[in-house]
Full PDB file with SEQRES, HELIX, SHEET, SSBOND, CRYST1, ORIGX, SCALE, CONECT and MASTER records, all heavy atoms in Angstrom:
SEQRES   1 A   29  ASN SER SER PHE THR GLU VAL ALA TYR LEU LEU LEU ARG          
SEQRES   2 A   29  GLY GLU LEU PRO ASN ALA GLU GLU LEU ALA ASP PHE ASN          
SEQRES   3 A   29  TYR THR ILE                                                  
HELIX    1 AA1 PHE A    4  ARG A   13  1                                  10    
HELIX    2 AA2 ALA A   19  THR A   28  1                                  10    
CRYST1    1.000    1.000    1.000  90.00  90.00  90.00 P 1           1          
ORIGX1      1.000000  0.000000  0.000000        0.00000                         
ORIGX2      0.000000  1.000000  0.000000        0.00000                         
ORIGX3      0.000000  0.000000  1.000000        0.00000                         
SCALE1      1.000000  0.000000  0.000000        0.00000                         
SCALE2      0.000000  1.000000  0.000000        0.00000                         
SCALE3      0.000000  0.000000  1.000000        0.00000                         
ATOM      1  N   ASN A   1       7.924  -5.203  31.710  1.00  0.00           N  
ATOM      2  CA  ASN A   1       8.161  -4.573  30.411  1.00  0.00           C  
ATOM      3  C   ASN A   1       7.944  -5.470  29.204  1.00  0.00           C  
ATOM      4  O   ASN A   1       7.774  -4.966  28.091  1.00  0.00           O  
ATOM      5  CB  ASN A   1       9.608  -4.040  30.356  1.00  0.00           C  
ATOM      6  CG  ASN A   1       9.905  -3.055  31.466  1.00  0.00           C  
ATOM      7  OD1 ASN A   1       9.282  -2.010  31.575  1.00  0.00           O  
ATOM      8  ND2 ASN A   1      10.872  -3.383  32.322  1.00  0.00           N  
ATOM      9  N   SER A   2       7.967  -6.771  29.409  1.00  0.00           N  
ATOM     10  CA  SER A   2       7.939  -7.691  28.281  1.00  0.00           C  
ATOM     11  C   SER A   2       6.552  -8.307  28.120  1.00  0.00           C  
ATOM     12  O   SER A   2       5.613  -7.991  28.843  1.00  0.00           O  
ATOM     13  CB  SER A   2       8.996  -8.783  28.489  1.00  0.00           C  
ATOM     14  OG  SER A   2       9.152  -9.584  27.343  1.00  0.00           O  
ATOM     15  N   SER A   3       6.425  -9.201  27.145  1.00  0.00           N  
ATOM     16  CA  SER A   3       5.217  -9.997  26.952  1.00  0.00           C  
ATOM     17  C   SER A   3       5.603 -11.463  27.072  1.00  0.00           C  
ATOM     18  O   SER A   3       6.775 -11.829  26.970  1.00  0.00           O  
ATOM     19  CB  SER A   3       4.598  -9.732  25.578  1.00  0.00           C  
ATOM     20  OG  SER A   3       5.459 -10.201  24.540  1.00  0.00           O  
ATOM     21  N   PHE A   4       4.596 -12.305  27.252  1.00  0.00           N  
ATOM     22  CA  PHE A   4       4.895 -13.723  27.421  1.00  0.00           C  
ATOM     23  C   PHE A   4       5.557 -14.312  26.171  1.00  0.00           C  
ATOM     24  O   PHE A   4       6.505 -15.083  26.280  1.00  0.00           O  
ATOM     25  CB  PHE A   4       3.620 -14.485  27.759  1.00  0.00           C  
ATOM     26  CG  PHE A   4       3.856 -15.964  27.955  1.00  0.00           C  
ATOM     27  CD1 PHE A   4       4.602 -16.425  29.023  1.00  0.00           C  
ATOM     28  CD2 PHE A   4       3.339 -16.894  27.064  1.00  0.00           C  
ATOM     29  CE1 PHE A   4       4.831 -17.785  29.214  1.00  0.00           C  
ATOM     30  CE2 PHE A   4       3.557 -18.252  27.242  1.00  0.00           C  
ATOM     31  CZ  PHE A   4       4.301 -18.696  28.314  1.00  0.00           C  
ATOM     32  N   THR A   5       5.073 -13.952  24.999  1.00  0.00           N  
ATOM     33  CA  THR A   5       5.671 -14.504  23.783  1.00  0.00           C  
ATOM     34  C   THR A   5       7.099 -13.993  23.574  1.00  0.00           C  
ATOM     35  O   THR A   5       7.945 -14.707  23.038  1.00  0.00           O  
ATOM     36  CB  THR A   5       4.818 -14.193  22.543  1.00  0.00           C  
ATOM     37  OG1 THR A   5       4.542 -12.792  22.470  1.00  0.00           O  
ATOM     38  CG2 THR A   5       3.517 -14.978  22.586  1.00  0.00           C  
ATOM     39  N   GLU A   6       7.375 -12.764  24.018  1.00  0.00           N  
ATOM     40  CA  GLU A   6       8.745 -12.252  23.942  1.00  0.00           C  
ATOM     41  C   GLU A   6       9.661 -13.041  24.871  1.00  0.00           C  
ATOM     42  O   GLU A   6      10.792 -13.382  24.515  1.00  0.00           O  
ATOM     43  CB  GLU A   6       8.787 -10.765  24.283  1.00  0.00           C  
ATOM     44  CG  GLU A   6      10.166 -10.137  24.052  1.00  0.00           C  
ATOM     45  CD  GLU A   6      10.206  -8.654  24.334  1.00  0.00           C  
ATOM     46  OE1 GLU A   6       9.561  -8.206  25.314  1.00  0.00           O  
ATOM     47  OE2 GLU A   6      10.884  -7.932  23.587  1.00  0.00           O  
ATOM     48  N   VAL A   7       9.182 -13.365  26.078  1.00  0.00           N  
ATOM     49  CA  VAL A   7       9.950 -14.177  27.013  1.00  0.00           C  
ATOM     50  C   VAL A   7      10.139 -15.589  26.454  1.00  0.00           C  
ATOM     51  O   VAL A   7      11.209 -16.192  26.597  1.00  0.00           O  
ATOM     52  CB  VAL A   7       9.270 -14.212  28.397  1.00  0.00           C  
ATOM     53  CG1 VAL A   7       9.959 -15.201  29.330  1.00  0.00           C  
ATOM     54  CG2 VAL A   7       9.261 -12.823  29.023  1.00  0.00           C  
ATOM     55  N   ALA A   8       9.108 -16.106  25.798  1.00  0.00           N  
ATOM     56  CA  ALA A   8       9.219 -17.418  25.162  1.00  0.00           C  
ATOM     57  C   ALA A   8      10.325 -17.408  24.105  1.00  0.00           C  
ATOM     58  O   ALA A   8      11.137 -18.341  24.023  1.00  0.00           O  
ATOM     59  CB  ALA A   8       7.886 -17.811  24.528  1.00  0.00           C  
ATOM     60  N   TYR A   9      10.349 -16.372  23.291  1.00  0.00           N  
ATOM     61  CA  TYR A   9      11.404 -16.225  22.281  1.00  0.00           C  
ATOM     62  C   TYR A   9      12.778 -16.171  22.951  1.00  0.00           C  
ATOM     63  O   TYR A   9      13.731 -16.813  22.504  1.00  0.00           O  
ATOM     64  CB  TYR A   9      11.156 -14.956  21.462  1.00  0.00           C  
ATOM     65  CG  TYR A   9      12.134 -14.750  20.316  1.00  0.00           C  
ATOM     66  CD1 TYR A   9      11.766 -15.065  19.013  1.00  0.00           C  
ATOM     67  CD2 TYR A   9      13.412 -14.235  20.517  1.00  0.00           C  
ATOM     68  CE1 TYR A   9      12.629 -14.871  17.944  1.00  0.00           C  
ATOM     69  CE2 TYR A   9      14.301 -14.045  19.462  1.00  0.00           C  
ATOM     70  CZ  TYR A   9      13.900 -14.364  18.183  1.00  0.00           C  
ATOM     71  OH  TYR A   9      14.767 -14.182  17.120  1.00  0.00           O  
ATOM     72  N   LEU A  10      12.871 -15.394  24.027  1.00  0.00           N  
ATOM     73  CA  LEU A  10      14.131 -15.257  24.762  1.00  0.00           C  
ATOM     74  C   LEU A  10      14.623 -16.607  25.270  1.00  0.00           C  
ATOM     75  O   LEU A  10      15.800 -16.950  25.112  1.00  0.00           O  
ATOM     76  CB  LEU A  10      13.937 -14.284  25.922  1.00  0.00           C  
ATOM     77  CG  LEU A  10      15.077 -14.164  26.948  1.00  0.00           C  
ATOM     78  CD1 LEU A  10      16.305 -13.526  26.317  1.00  0.00           C  
ATOM     79  CD2 LEU A  10      14.616 -13.365  28.174  1.00  0.00           C  
ATOM     80  N   LEU A  11      13.733 -17.376  25.882  1.00  0.00           N  
ATOM     81  CA  LEU A  11      14.124 -18.668  26.431  1.00  0.00           C  
ATOM     82  C   LEU A  11      14.522 -19.644  25.330  1.00  0.00           C  
ATOM     83  O   LEU A  11      15.483 -20.406  25.481  1.00  0.00           O  
ATOM     84  CB  LEU A  11      12.987 -19.250  27.273  1.00  0.00           C  
ATOM     85  CG  LEU A  11      12.714 -18.539  28.602  1.00  0.00           C  
ATOM     86  CD1 LEU A  11      11.434 -19.055  29.246  1.00  0.00           C  
ATOM     87  CD2 LEU A  11      13.884 -18.710  29.573  1.00  0.00           C  
ATOM     88  N   LEU A  12      13.801 -19.618  24.205  1.00  0.00           N  
ATOM     89  CA  LEU A  12      14.083 -20.537  23.113  1.00  0.00           C  
ATOM     90  C   LEU A  12      15.342 -20.155  22.337  1.00  0.00           C  
ATOM     91  O   LEU A  12      16.155 -21.018  21.991  1.00  0.00           O  
ATOM     92  CB  LEU A  12      12.906 -20.595  22.140  1.00  0.00           C  
ATOM     93  CG  LEU A  12      11.671 -21.389  22.583  1.00  0.00           C  
ATOM     94  CD1 LEU A  12      10.525 -21.164  21.599  1.00  0.00           C  
ATOM     95  CD2 LEU A  12      11.975 -22.871  22.694  1.00  0.00           C  
ATOM     96  N   ARG A  13      15.510 -18.855  22.063  1.00  0.00           N  
ATOM     97  CA  ARG A  13      16.573 -18.413  21.146  1.00  0.00           C  
ATOM     98  C   ARG A  13      17.794 -17.827  21.847  1.00  0.00           C  
ATOM     99  O   ARG A  13      18.839 -17.683  21.236  1.00  0.00           O  
ATOM    100  CB  ARG A  13      15.998 -17.380  20.166  1.00  0.00           C  
ATOM    101  CG  ARG A  13      14.734 -17.810  19.446  1.00  0.00           C  
ATOM    102  CD  ARG A  13      14.973 -18.812  18.357  1.00  0.00           C  
ATOM    103  NE  ARG A  13      13.723 -19.315  17.790  1.00  0.00           N  
ATOM    104  CZ  ARG A  13      13.002 -18.687  16.867  1.00  0.00           C  
ATOM    105  NH1 ARG A  13      13.421 -17.528  16.356  1.00  0.00           N  
ATOM    106  NH2 ARG A  13      11.880 -19.229  16.395  1.00  0.00           N  
ATOM    107  N   GLY A  14      17.656 -17.463  23.118  1.00  0.00           N  
ATOM    108  CA  GLY A  14      18.814 -16.971  23.852  1.00  0.00           C  
ATOM    109  C   GLY A  14      18.940 -15.470  23.959  1.00  0.00           C  
ATOM    110  O   GLY A  14      19.660 -14.958  24.815  1.00  0.00           O  
ATOM    111  N   GLU A  15      18.271 -14.721  23.072  1.00  0.00           N  
ATOM    112  CA  GLU A  15      18.337 -13.259  23.077  1.00  0.00           C  
ATOM    113  C   GLU A  15      16.943 -12.679  22.886  1.00  0.00           C  
ATOM    114  O   GLU A  15      16.057 -13.336  22.329  1.00  0.00           O  
ATOM    115  CB  GLU A  15      19.258 -12.733  21.954  1.00  0.00           C  
ATOM    116  CG  GLU A  15      20.715 -13.171  22.064  1.00  0.00           C  
ATOM    117  CD  GLU A  15      21.451 -12.555  23.249  1.00  0.00           C  
ATOM    118  OE1 GLU A  15      20.956 -11.527  23.774  1.00  0.00           O  
ATOM    119  OE2 GLU A  15      22.511 -13.070  23.640  1.00  0.00           O  
ATOM    120  N   LEU A  16      16.748 -11.443  23.353  1.00  0.00           N  
ATOM    121  CA  LEU A  16      15.487 -10.759  23.113  1.00  0.00           C  
ATOM    122  C   LEU A  16      15.355 -10.448  21.621  1.00  0.00           C  
ATOM    123  O   LEU A  16      16.337 -10.099  20.965  1.00  0.00           O  
ATOM    124  CB  LEU A  16      15.413  -9.460  23.919  1.00  0.00           C  
ATOM    125  CG  LEU A  16      15.198  -9.604  25.425  1.00  0.00           C  
ATOM    126  CD1 LEU A  16      15.398  -8.259  26.123  1.00  0.00           C  
ATOM    127  CD2 LEU A  16      13.818 -10.158  25.755  1.00  0.00           C  
ATOM    128  N   PRO A  17      14.152 -10.572  21.072  1.00  0.00           N  
ATOM    129  CA  PRO A  17      13.978 -10.324  19.641  1.00  0.00           C  
ATOM    130  C   PRO A  17      13.888  -8.839  19.331  1.00  0.00           C  
ATOM    131  O   PRO A  17      13.527  -8.031  20.195  1.00  0.00           O  
ATOM    132  CB  PRO A  17      12.646 -11.018  19.347  1.00  0.00           C  
ATOM    133  CG  PRO A  17      11.875 -10.865  20.639  1.00  0.00           C  
ATOM    134  CD  PRO A  17      12.904 -10.974  21.748  1.00  0.00           C  
ATOM    135  N   ASN A  18      14.199  -8.456  18.080  1.00  0.00           N  
ATOM    136  CA  ASN A  18      13.850  -7.123  17.636  1.00  0.00           C  
ATOM    137  C   ASN A  18      12.386  -7.146  17.192  1.00  0.00           C  
ATOM    138  O   ASN A  18      11.715  -8.191  17.237  1.00  0.00           O  
ATOM    139  CB  ASN A  18      14.786  -6.635  16.522  1.00  0.00           C  
ATOM    140  CG  ASN A  18      14.768  -7.532  15.289  1.00  0.00           C  
ATOM    141  OD1 ASN A  18      13.731  -8.111  14.938  1.00  0.00           O  
ATOM    142  ND2 ASN A  18      15.905  -7.640  14.608  1.00  0.00           N  
ATOM    143  N   ALA A  19      11.873  -6.010  16.744  1.00  0.00           N  
ATOM    144  CA  ALA A  19      10.450  -5.905  16.421  1.00  0.00           C  
ATOM    145  C   ALA A  19      10.043  -6.885  15.324  1.00  0.00           C  
ATOM    146  O   ALA A  19       8.993  -7.532  15.402  1.00  0.00           O  
ATOM    147  CB  ALA A  19      10.113  -4.476  16.008  1.00  0.00           C  
ATOM    148  N   GLU A  20      10.886  -7.015  14.285  1.00  0.00           N  
ATOM    149  CA  GLU A  20      10.564  -7.915  13.172  1.00  0.00           C  
ATOM    150  C   GLU A  20      10.596  -9.375  13.618  1.00  0.00           C  
ATOM    151  O   GLU A  20       9.709 -10.165  13.247  1.00  0.00           O  
ATOM    152  CB  GLU A  20      11.557  -7.693  12.027  1.00  0.00           C  
ATOM    153  CG  GLU A  20      11.240  -8.520  10.784  1.00  0.00           C  
ATOM    154  CD  GLU A  20      12.230  -8.292   9.647  1.00  0.00           C  
ATOM    155  OE1 GLU A  20      13.094  -7.386   9.783  1.00  0.00           O  
ATOM    156  OE2 GLU A  20      12.161  -9.005   8.626  1.00  0.00           O  
ATOM    157  N   GLU A  21      11.600  -9.751  14.407  1.00  0.00           N  
ATOM    158  CA  GLU A  21      11.714 -11.128  14.889  1.00  0.00           C  
ATOM    159  C   GLU A  21      10.538 -11.511  15.784  1.00  0.00           C  
ATOM    160  O   GLU A  21      10.004 -12.617  15.683  1.00  0.00           O  
ATOM    161  CB  GLU A  21      13.035 -11.302  15.648  1.00  0.00           C  
ATOM    162  CG  GLU A  21      14.275 -11.272  14.757  1.00  0.00           C  
ATOM    163  CD  GLU A  21      15.562 -11.147  15.551  1.00  0.00           C  
ATOM    164  OE1 GLU A  21      15.518 -10.654  16.697  1.00  0.00           O  
ATOM    165  OE2 GLU A  21      16.629 -11.514  15.007  1.00  0.00           O  
ATOM    166  N   LEU A  22      10.120 -10.572  16.635  1.00  0.00           N  
ATOM    167  CA  LEU A  22       8.985 -10.857  17.516  1.00  0.00           C  
ATOM    168  C   LEU A  22       7.693 -10.983  16.708  1.00  0.00           C  
ATOM    169  O   LEU A  22       6.868 -11.865  16.978  1.00  0.00           O  
ATOM    170  CB  LEU A  22       8.843  -9.764  18.574  1.00  0.00           C  
ATOM    171  CG  LEU A  22       7.707  -9.959  19.583  1.00  0.00           C  
ATOM    172  CD1 LEU A  22       7.865 -11.282  20.345  1.00  0.00           C  
ATOM    173  CD2 LEU A  22       7.638  -8.790  20.572  1.00  0.00           C  
ATOM    174  N   ALA A  23       7.532 -10.126  15.712  1.00  0.00           N  
ATOM    175  CA  ALA A  23       6.340 -10.190  14.865  1.00  0.00           C  
ATOM    176  C   ALA A  23       6.277 -11.525  14.130  1.00  0.00           C  
ATOM    177  O   ALA A  23       5.206 -12.149  14.038  1.00  0.00           O  
ATOM    178  CB  ALA A  23       6.332  -9.035  13.874  1.00  0.00           C  
ATOM    179  N   ASP A  24       7.409 -11.991  13.608  1.00  0.00           N  
ATOM    180  CA  ASP A  24       7.455 -13.280  12.909  1.00  0.00           C  
ATOM    181  C   ASP A  24       7.145 -14.432  13.865  1.00  0.00           C  
ATOM    182  O   ASP A  24       6.422 -15.369  13.516  1.00  0.00           O  
ATOM    183  CB  ASP A  24       8.840 -13.490  12.275  1.00  0.00           C  
ATOM    184  CG  ASP A  24       9.074 -12.613  11.065  1.00  0.00           C  
ATOM    185  OD1 ASP A  24       8.089 -12.057  10.528  1.00  0.00           O  
ATOM    186  OD2 ASP A  24      10.252 -12.471  10.645  1.00  0.00           O  
ATOM    187  N   PHE A  25       7.698 -14.358  15.079  1.00  0.00           N  
ATOM    188  CA  PHE A  25       7.467 -15.404  16.079  1.00  0.00           C  
ATOM    189  C   PHE A  25       5.995 -15.445  16.482  1.00  0.00           C  
ATOM    190  O   PHE A  25       5.388 -16.526  16.544  1.00  0.00           O  
ATOM    191  CB  PHE A  25       8.353 -15.165  17.297  1.00  0.00           C  
ATOM    192  CG  PHE A  25       8.249 -16.230  18.356  1.00  0.00           C  
ATOM    193  CD1 PHE A  25       8.804 -17.490  18.155  1.00  0.00           C  
ATOM    194  CD2 PHE A  25       7.613 -15.974  19.564  1.00  0.00           C  
ATOM    195  CE1 PHE A  25       8.713 -18.477  19.133  1.00  0.00           C  
ATOM    196  CE2 PHE A  25       7.521 -16.945  20.545  1.00  0.00           C  
ATOM    197  CZ  PHE A  25       8.079 -18.195  20.330  1.00  0.00           C  
ATOM    198  N   ASN A  26       5.407 -14.275  16.736  1.00  0.00           N  
ATOM    199  CA  ASN A  26       3.988 -14.206  17.093  1.00  0.00           C  
ATOM    200  C   ASN A  26       3.110 -14.750  15.962  1.00  0.00           C  
ATOM    201  O   ASN A  26       2.109 -15.431  16.202  1.00  0.00           O  
ATOM    202  CB  ASN A  26       3.590 -12.771  17.421  1.00  0.00           C  
ATOM    203  CG  ASN A  26       4.042 -12.341  18.807  1.00  0.00           C  
ATOM    204  OD1 ASN A  26       4.205 -13.163  19.712  1.00  0.00           O  
ATOM    205  ND2 ASN A  26       4.246 -11.040  18.995  1.00  0.00           N  
ATOM    206  N   TYR A  27       3.492 -14.438  14.712  1.00  0.00           N  
ATOM    207  CA  TYR A  27       2.750 -14.926  13.553  1.00  0.00           C  
ATOM    208  C   TYR A  27       2.775 -16.458  13.518  1.00  0.00           C  
ATOM    209  O   TYR A  27       1.734 -17.099  13.304  1.00  0.00           O  
ATOM    210  CB  TYR A  27       3.361 -14.347  12.275  1.00  0.00           C  
ATOM    211  CG  TYR A  27       2.641 -14.762  11.003  1.00  0.00           C  
ATOM    212  CD1 TYR A  27       1.596 -13.990  10.499  1.00  0.00           C  
ATOM    213  CD2 TYR A  27       3.021 -15.913  10.309  1.00  0.00           C  
ATOM    214  CE1 TYR A  27       0.932 -14.361   9.327  1.00  0.00           C  
ATOM    215  CE2 TYR A  27       2.368 -16.290   9.141  1.00  0.00           C  
ATOM    216  CZ  TYR A  27       1.329 -15.519   8.662  1.00  0.00           C  
ATOM    217  OH  TYR A  27       0.670 -15.896   7.506  1.00  0.00           O  
ATOM    218  N   THR A  28       3.961 -17.031  13.743  1.00  0.00           N  
ATOM    219  CA  THR A  28       4.109 -18.487  13.719  1.00  0.00           C  
ATOM    220  C   THR A  28       3.289 -19.150  14.816  1.00  0.00           C  
ATOM    221  O   THR A  28       2.569 -20.122  14.579  1.00  0.00           O  
ATOM    222  CB  THR A  28       5.592 -18.874  13.866  1.00  0.00           C  
ATOM    223  OG1 THR A  28       6.346 -18.330  12.788  1.00  0.00           O  
ATOM    224  CG2 THR A  28       5.765 -20.388  13.890  1.00  0.00           C  
ATOM    225  N   ILE A  29       3.412 -18.624  16.036  1.00  0.00           N  
ATOM    226  CA  ILE A  29       2.686 -19.210  17.165  1.00  0.00           C  
ATOM    227  C   ILE A  29       1.177 -19.087  16.950  1.00  0.00           C  
ATOM    228  O   ILE A  29       0.424 -20.052  17.163  1.00  0.00           O  
ATOM    229  CB  ILE A  29       3.107 -18.547  18.488  1.00  0.00           C  
ATOM    230  CG1 ILE A  29       4.593 -18.804  18.783  1.00  0.00           C  
ATOM    231  CG2 ILE A  29       2.245 -19.039  19.638  1.00  0.00           C  
ATOM    232  CD1 ILE A  29       4.959 -20.260  18.909  1.00  0.00           C  
TER     233      ILE A  29                                                      
MASTER        0    0    0    2    0    0    0    6  232    1    0    3          
END                                                                             
């Protein structure tokens, strides 16, 4: 169900991101 960058966010931050948080993280990466 997830994507690799979403799992990366989860491992780094401790929680699954919402849509805005994931978009910001993907933008940064």
